[in-house]
């Protein structure tokens, strides 16, 4: 099994964390969808990472699909509740965290365009989504030790990936000071090898 992705993508990081927590062996193939002549489109027609290539050479893409598949591969260290309201609650956490990543990635890419082509209002709109998303995360976490339940779940994986991406790409957003409870959660997550070994970098 192979995971195709970059060292900077929060969605790839989410899949790598799940693979580590589930203790699933795989080959990590570094491939950026933005690189000249990228091979990503050979595995995902949408040209996005991560892509999981299974042993029969079939592929899965979109991090939400991949992590759910991985969690069902083995019974150890389950990250999703089995069913019902609890499962939907964890997926809601994931949707919120991924939405923050979507807005952050959109703002970052817009900021990389030539200055005269950039749309400042569009960037501010995305930053507004990030701000509201962080406020919602902090409010939902409250003083709880984990995002959901009494142990690590996919909710924490998704939130930790989003917070890590913000620290990597948007150092001017001082979320650790504004939301100390998110900073505490992030510090606890970074104490786990699965998180510490996947911190985004160029």
C-alpha atoms as a PDB file:
ATOM      1  CA  UNK A   1       0.000   0.000   0.000  1.00  0.00           C
ATOM      2  CA  UNK A   2       1.232   3.479  -0.887  1.00  0.00           C
ATOM      3  CA  UNK A   3       0.241   6.945   0.218  1.00  0.00           C
ATOM      4  CA  UNK A   4       0.942   9.661  -2.323  1.00  0.00           C
ATOM      5  CA  UNK A   5       1.234  13.181  -0.981  1.00  0.00           C
ATOM      6  CA  UNK A   6       3.308  16.140   0.124  1.00  0.00           C
ATOM      7  CA  UNK A   7       4.918  17.191   3.400  1.00  0.00           C
ATOM      8  CA  UNK A   8       2.869  20.388   3.548  1.00  0.00           C
ATOM      9  CA  UNK A   9      -0.711  19.231   3.018  1.00  0.00           C
ATOM     10  CA  UNK A  10      -2.846  19.003   6.184  1.00  0.00           C
ATOM     11  CA  UNK A  11      -5.014  16.406   4.462  1.00  0.00           C
ATOM     12  CA  UNK A  12      -2.006  14.191   3.760  1.00  0.00           C
ATOM     13  CA  UNK A  13      -0.876  14.686   7.352  1.00  0.00           C
ATOM     14  CA  UNK A  14      -4.271  13.528   8.584  1.00  0.00           C
ATOM     15  CA  UNK A  15      -3.899  10.269   6.645  1.00  0.00           C
ATOM     16  CA  UNK A  16      -0.300   9.789   7.838  1.00  0.00           C
ATOM     17  CA  UNK A  17      -1.342  10.253  11.460  1.00  0.00           C
ATOM     18  CA  UNK A  18      -4.094   7.654  11.092  1.00  0.00           C
ATOM     19  CA  UNK A  19      -1.690   5.203   9.452  1.00  0.00           C
ATOM     20  CA  UNK A  20       0.723   5.670  12.357  1.00  0.00           C
ATOM     21  CA  UNK A  21      -1.941   5.387  15.054  1.00  0.00           C
ATOM     22  CA  UNK A  22      -3.354   2.251  13.410  1.00  0.00           C
ATOM     23  CA  UNK A  23       0.176   0.819  12.972  1.00  0.00           C
ATOM     24  CA  UNK A  24      -0.391   0.109   9.273  1.00  0.00           C
ATOM     25  CA  UNK A  25       2.691  -0.368   7.092  1.00  0.00           C
ATOM     26  CA  UNK A  26       2.839   1.658   3.888  1.00  0.00           C
ATOM     27  CA  UNK A  27       5.195   3.404   1.500  1.00  0.00           C
ATOM     28  CA  UNK A  28       5.068   7.196   1.487  1.00  0.00           C
ATOM     29  CA  UNK A  29       5.561   8.573  -2.026  1.00  0.00           C
ATOM     30  CA  UNK A  30       6.373  12.285  -2.085  1.00  0.00           C
ATOM     31  CA  UNK A  31       4.546  13.980  -4.922  1.00  0.00           C
ATOM     32  CA  UNK A  32       3.270  17.540  -5.130  1.00  0.00           C
ATOM     33  CA  UNK A  33       0.224  18.195  -7.314  1.00  0.00           C
ATOM     34  CA  UNK A  34       1.686  21.650  -8.043  1.00  0.00           C
ATOM     35  CA  UNK A  35       5.024  20.402  -9.393  1.00  0.00           C
ATOM     36  CA  UNK A  36       5.742  20.535 -13.104  1.00  0.00           C
ATOM     37  CA  UNK A  37       4.811  17.185 -14.637  1.00  0.00           C
ATOM     38  CA  UNK A  38       3.235  15.915 -11.412  1.00  0.00           C
ATOM     39  CA  UNK A  39       2.122  12.293 -11.562  1.00  0.00           C
ATOM     40  CA  UNK A  40      -0.740  12.847  -9.140  1.00  0.00           C
ATOM     41  CA  UNK A  41      -3.325  13.018 -11.949  1.00  0.00           C
ATOM     42  CA  UNK A  42      -2.394   9.459 -12.919  1.00  0.00           C
ATOM     43  CA  UNK A  43      -3.808   8.321  -9.578  1.00  0.00           C
ATOM     44  CA  UNK A  44      -6.485  10.959  -8.937  1.00  0.00           C
ATOM     45  CA  UNK A  45      -8.193  12.651 -11.899  1.00  0.00           C
ATOM     46  CA  UNK A  46      -8.837  15.662  -9.660  1.00  0.00           C
ATOM     47  CA  UNK A  47      -5.095  16.182  -9.223  1.00  0.00           C
ATOM     48  CA  UNK A  48      -5.281  16.338  -5.428  1.00  0.00           C
ATOM     49  CA  UNK A  49      -3.474  14.614  -2.581  1.00  0.00           C
ATOM     50  CA  UNK A  50      -3.591  12.426  -0.593  1.00  0.00           C
ATOM     51  CA  UNK A  51      -4.101   9.349  -2.740  1.00  0.00           C
ATOM     52  CA  UNK A  52      -4.031   5.875  -1.231  1.00  0.00           C
ATOM     53  CA  UNK A  53      -2.925   3.172  -3.676  1.00  0.00           C
ATOM     54  CA  UNK A  54      -4.090  -0.230  -2.470  1.00  0.00           C
ATOM     55  CA  UNK A  55      -2.292  -3.515  -3.004  1.00  0.00           C
ATOM     56  CA  UNK A  56      -4.486  -4.314  -6.008  1.00  0.00           C
ATOM     57  CA  UNK A  57      -3.499  -0.929  -7.532  1.00  0.00           C
ATOM     58  CA  UNK A  58      -6.964   0.541  -7.031  1.00  0.00           C
ATOM     59  CA  UNK A  59      -6.960   4.032  -5.550  1.00  0.00           C
ATOM     60  CA  UNK A  60      -8.795   6.025  -2.921  1.00  0.00           C
ATOM     61  CA  UNK A  61      -8.721   9.803  -2.727  1.00  0.00           C
ATOM     62  CA  UNK A  62     -10.077  12.550  -0.491  1.00  0.00           C
ATOM     63  CA  UNK A  63      -8.698  12.368   3.032  1.00  0.00           C
ATOM     64  CA  UNK A  64     -12.124  11.738   4.572  1.00  0.00           C
ATOM     65  CA  UNK A  65     -12.613   8.631   2.449  1.00  0.00           C
ATOM     66  CA  UNK A  66      -9.057   7.441   3.097  1.00  0.00           C
ATOM     67  CA  UNK A  67      -9.106   7.787   6.891  1.00  0.00           C
ATOM     68  CA  UNK A  68     -12.458   6.031   7.171  1.00  0.00           C
ATOM     69  CA  UNK A  69     -11.136   3.157   5.069  1.00  0.00           C
ATOM     70  CA  UNK A  70      -7.974   2.942   7.166  1.00  0.00           C
ATOM     71  CA  UNK A  71      -9.889   2.950  10.438  1.00  0.00           C
ATOM     72  CA  UNK A  72     -11.910  -0.021   9.209  1.00  0.00           C
ATOM     73  CA  UNK A  73      -8.834  -1.957   8.093  1.00  0.00           C
ATOM     74  CA  UNK A  74      -7.859  -3.071  11.586  1.00  0.00           C
ATOM     75  CA  UNK A  75      -9.751  -3.311  14.889  1.00  0.00           C
ATOM     76  CA  UNK A  76      -6.990  -1.676  16.965  1.00  0.00           C
ATOM     77  CA  UNK A  77      -7.026   1.968  18.052  1.00  0.00           C
ATOM     78  CA  UNK A  78     -10.419   2.774  16.567  1.00  0.00           C
ATOM     79  CA  UNK A  79     -10.710   6.467  15.721  1.00  0.00           C
ATOM     80  CA  UNK A  80     -14.371   6.523  14.655  1.00  0.00           C
ATOM     81  CA  UNK A  81     -17.296   5.422  16.830  1.00  0.00           C
ATOM     82  CA  UNK A  82     -19.133   2.502  15.276  1.00  0.00           C
ATOM     83  CA  UNK A  83     -22.350   4.261  14.315  1.00  0.00           C
ATOM     84  CA  UNK A  84     -25.111   6.662  15.260  1.00  0.00           C
ATOM     85  CA  UNK A  85     -24.951  10.152  16.700  1.00  0.00           C
ATOM     86  CA  UNK A  86     -21.439   9.671  18.122  1.00  0.00           C
ATOM     87  CA  UNK A  87     -20.014   8.818  14.711  1.00  0.00           C
ATOM     88  CA  UNK A  88     -21.721  11.813  13.110  1.00  0.00           C
ATOM     89  CA  UNK A  89     -20.367  14.042  15.868  1.00  0.00           C
ATOM     90  CA  UNK A  90     -16.789  12.989  15.095  1.00  0.00           C
ATOM     91  CA  UNK A  91     -17.381  13.530  11.380  1.00  0.00           C
ATOM     92  CA  UNK A  92     -18.748  16.992  12.182  1.00  0.00           C
ATOM     93  CA  UNK A  93     -15.473  17.804  13.960  1.00  0.00           C
ATOM     94  CA  UNK A  94     -13.618  16.577  10.892  1.00  0.00           C
ATOM     95  CA  UNK A  95     -15.758  18.707   8.582  1.00  0.00           C
ATOM     96  CA  UNK A  96     -15.102  21.828  10.670  1.00  0.00           C
ATOM     97  CA  UNK A  97     -11.350  21.218  10.849  1.00  0.00           C
ATOM     98  CA  UNK A  98     -11.145  20.410   7.136  1.00  0.00           C
ATOM     99  CA  UNK A  99     -13.170  23.536   6.375  1.00  0.00           C
ATOM    100  CA  UNK A 100     -10.567  25.624   8.200  1.00  0.00           C
ATOM    101  CA  UNK A 101      -7.885  23.931   6.102  1.00  0.00           C
ATOM    102  CA  UNK A 102      -9.861  24.605   2.926  1.00  0.00           C
ATOM    103  CA  UNK A 103     -10.091  28.314   3.732  1.00  0.00           C
ATOM    104  CA  UNK A 104      -6.429  28.501   4.767  1.00  0.00           C
ATOM    105  CA  UNK A 105      -5.188  26.736   1.632  1.00  0.00           C
ATOM    106  CA  UNK A 106      -7.373  28.960  -0.565  1.00  0.00           C
ATOM    107  CA  UNK A 107      -6.044  32.123   1.080  1.00  0.00           C
ATOM    108  CA  UNK A 108      -2.462  30.881   0.849  1.00  0.00           C
ATOM    109  CA  UNK A 109      -2.727  30.059  -2.855  1.00  0.00           C
ATOM    110  CA  UNK A 110      -4.391  33.386  -3.638  1.00  0.00           C
ATOM    111  CA  UNK A 111      -1.548  35.125  -1.789  1.00  0.00           C
ATOM    112  CA  UNK A 112       0.996  33.380  -4.009  1.00  0.00           C
ATOM    113  CA  UNK A 113      -0.417  34.925  -7.181  1.00  0.00           C
ATOM    114  CA  UNK A 114       1.144  38.049  -8.663  1.00  0.00           C
ATOM    115  CA  UNK A 115       0.182  41.034  -6.506  1.00  0.00           C
ATOM    116  CA  UNK A 116      -1.838  42.705  -9.268  1.00  0.00           C
ATOM    117  CA  UNK A 117      -3.877  39.526  -9.745  1.00  0.00           C
ATOM    118  CA  UNK A 118      -4.690  38.943  -6.089  1.00  0.00           C
ATOM    119  CA  UNK A 119      -8.150  39.609  -4.708  1.00  0.00           C
ATOM    120  CA  UNK A 120      -7.683  41.037  -1.181  1.00  0.00           C
ATOM    121  CA  UNK A 121     -11.392  40.726  -0.447  1.00  0.00           C
ATOM    122  CA  UNK A 122     -11.299  37.034  -1.326  1.00  0.00           C
ATOM    123  CA  UNK A 123      -8.331  36.510   0.995  1.00  0.00           C
ATOM    124  CA  UNK A 124     -10.092  38.362   3.805  1.00  0.00           C
ATOM    125  CA  UNK A 125     -13.202  36.270   3.251  1.00  0.00           C
ATOM    126  CA  UNK A 126     -11.156  33.097   3.740  1.00  0.00           C
ATOM    127  CA  UNK A 127      -9.434  34.537   6.798  1.00  0.00           C
ATOM    128  CA  UNK A 128     -12.861  35.308   8.198  1.00  0.00           C
ATOM    129  CA  UNK A 129     -13.802  31.644   7.820  1.00  0.00           C
ATOM    130  CA  UNK A 130     -10.601  30.655   9.620  1.00  0.00           C
ATOM    131  CA  UNK A 131     -11.355  33.037  12.489  1.00  0.00           C
ATOM    132  CA  UNK A 132     -14.922  31.791  12.907  1.00  0.00           C
ATOM    133  CA  UNK A 133     -13.778  28.191  12.573  1.00  0.00           C
ATOM    134  CA  UNK A 134     -11.182  28.600  15.319  1.00  0.00           C
ATOM    135  CA  UNK A 135     -13.767  30.246  17.568  1.00  0.00           C
ATOM    136  CA  UNK A 136     -16.111  27.294  17.027  1.00  0.00           C
ATOM    137  CA  UNK A 137     -13.345  24.750  17.675  1.00  0.00           C
ATOM    138  CA  UNK A 138     -12.336  26.442  20.910  1.00  0.00           C
ATOM    139  CA  UNK A 139     -15.931  26.685  22.050  1.00  0.00           C
ATOM    140  CA  UNK A 140     -16.605  23.024  21.297  1.00  0.00           C
ATOM    141  CA  UNK A 141     -13.413  21.810  22.985  1.00  0.00           C
ATOM    142  CA  UNK A 142     -14.015  23.866  26.113  1.00  0.00           C
ATOM    143  CA  UNK A 143     -12.073  22.337  28.998  1.00  0.00           C
ATOM    144  CA  UNK A 144     -12.414  18.756  27.761  1.00  0.00           C
ATOM    145  CA  UNK A 145      -9.221  16.694  27.465  1.00  0.00           C
ATOM    146  CA  UNK A 146     -10.117  15.538  23.931  1.00  0.00           C
ATOM    147  CA  UNK A 147     -12.347  16.786  21.171  1.00  0.00           C
ATOM    148  CA  UNK A 148     -14.657  13.822  21.627  1.00  0.00           C
ATOM    149  CA  UNK A 149     -14.903  11.234  24.360  1.00  0.00           C
ATOM    150  CA  UNK A 150     -12.105  10.137  26.654  1.00  0.00           C
ATOM    151  CA  UNK A 151      -9.392   9.238  24.165  1.00  0.00           C
ATOM    152  CA  UNK A 152      -7.917  10.179  20.799  1.00  0.00           C
ATOM    153  CA  UNK A 153     -10.392  10.119  17.938  1.00  0.00           C
ATOM    154  CA  UNK A 154     -10.427  11.238  14.334  1.00  0.00           C
ATOM    155  CA  UNK A 155     -11.780  14.544  15.635  1.00  0.00           C
ATOM    156  CA  UNK A 156      -8.434  15.229  17.347  1.00  0.00           C
ATOM    157  CA  UNK A 157      -6.496  14.079  14.278  1.00  0.00           C
ATOM    158  CA  UNK A 158      -8.387  16.504  12.050  1.00  0.00           C
ATOM    159  CA  UNK A 159      -8.170  19.407  14.509  1.00  0.00           C
ATOM    160  CA  UNK A 160      -4.459  18.835  15.134  1.00  0.00           C
ATOM    161  CA  UNK A 161      -3.807  18.777  11.394  1.00  0.00           C
ATOM    162  CA  UNK A 162      -5.686  22.042  10.917  1.00  0.00           C
ATOM    163  CA  UNK A 163      -3.882  23.793  13.773  1.00  0.00           C
ATOM    164  CA  UNK A 164      -0.535  22.579  12.476  1.00  0.00           C
ATOM    165  CA  UNK A 165      -1.272  23.931   9.015  1.00  0.00           C
ATOM    166  CA  UNK A 166      -2.195  27.340  10.408  1.00  0.00           C
ATOM    167  CA  UNK A 167       1.042  27.476  12.392  1.00  0.00           C
ATOM    168  CA  UNK A 168       2.958  26.518   9.258  1.00  0.00           C
ATOM    169  CA  UNK A 169       1.351  28.878   6.743  1.00  0.00           C
ATOM    170  CA  UNK A 170      -0.139  31.679   8.846  1.00  0.00           C
ATOM    171  CA  UNK A 171       2.227  32.588  11.679  1.00  0.00           C
ATOM    172  CA  UNK A 172       0.439  35.936  11.985  1.00  0.00           C
ATOM    173  CA  UNK A 173      -2.698  34.166  13.251  1.00  0.00           C
ATOM    174  CA  UNK A 174      -1.857  33.827  16.942  1.00  0.00           C
ATOM    175  CA  UNK A 175      -4.431  31.182  17.764  1.00  0.00           C
ATOM    176  CA  UNK A 176      -2.389  29.684  20.679  1.00  0.00           C
ATOM    177  CA  UNK A 177      -2.622  32.956  22.597  1.00  0.00           C
ATOM    178  CA  UNK A 178      -6.225  33.613  21.655  1.00  0.00           C
ATOM    179  CA  UNK A 179      -7.373  30.081  22.469  1.00  0.00           C
ATOM    180  CA  UNK A 180      -5.236  28.523  25.231  1.00  0.00           C
ATOM    181  CA  UNK A 181      -7.420  25.424  25.304  1.00  0.00           C
ATOM    182  CA  UNK A 182      -6.558  24.685  21.660  1.00  0.00           C
ATOM    183  CA  UNK A 183      -2.890  25.286  22.464  1.00  0.00           C
ATOM    184  CA  UNK A 184      -3.083  22.747  25.312  1.00  0.00           C
ATOM    185  CA  UNK A 185      -4.752  20.198  23.075  1.00  0.00           C
ATOM    186  CA  UNK A 186      -2.195  20.761  20.329  1.00  0.00           C
ATOM    187  CA  UNK A 187       0.707  20.355  22.768  1.00  0.00           C
ATOM    188  CA  UNK A 188      -0.754  17.059  23.985  1.00  0.00           C
ATOM    189  CA  UNK A 189      -1.163  15.841  20.417  1.00  0.00           C
ATOM    190  CA  UNK A 190       2.401  16.813  19.506  1.00  0.00           C
ATOM    191  CA  UNK A 191       3.642  14.592  22.327  1.00  0.00           C
ATOM    192  CA  UNK A 192       2.471  11.630  20.243  1.00  0.00           C
ATOM    193  CA  UNK A 193       4.981  10.389  17.626  1.00  0.00           C
ATOM    194  CA  UNK A 194       2.246  10.256  14.976  1.00  0.00           C
ATOM    195  CA  UNK A 195       1.827  14.028  15.237  1.00  0.00           C
ATOM    196  CA  UNK A 196       5.431  14.991  15.994  1.00  0.00           C
ATOM    197  CA  UNK A 197       6.760  13.040  13.007  1.00  0.00           C
ATOM    198  CA  UNK A 198       4.336  14.674  10.555  1.00  0.00           C
ATOM    199  CA  UNK A 199       4.660  18.383  11.373  1.00  0.00           C
ATOM    200  CA  UNK A 200       4.381  20.161   7.991  1.00  0.00           C
ATOM    201  CA  UNK A 201       7.502  21.598   6.420  1.00  0.00           C
ATOM    202  CA  UNK A 202       8.780  22.576   2.993  1.00  0.00           C
END
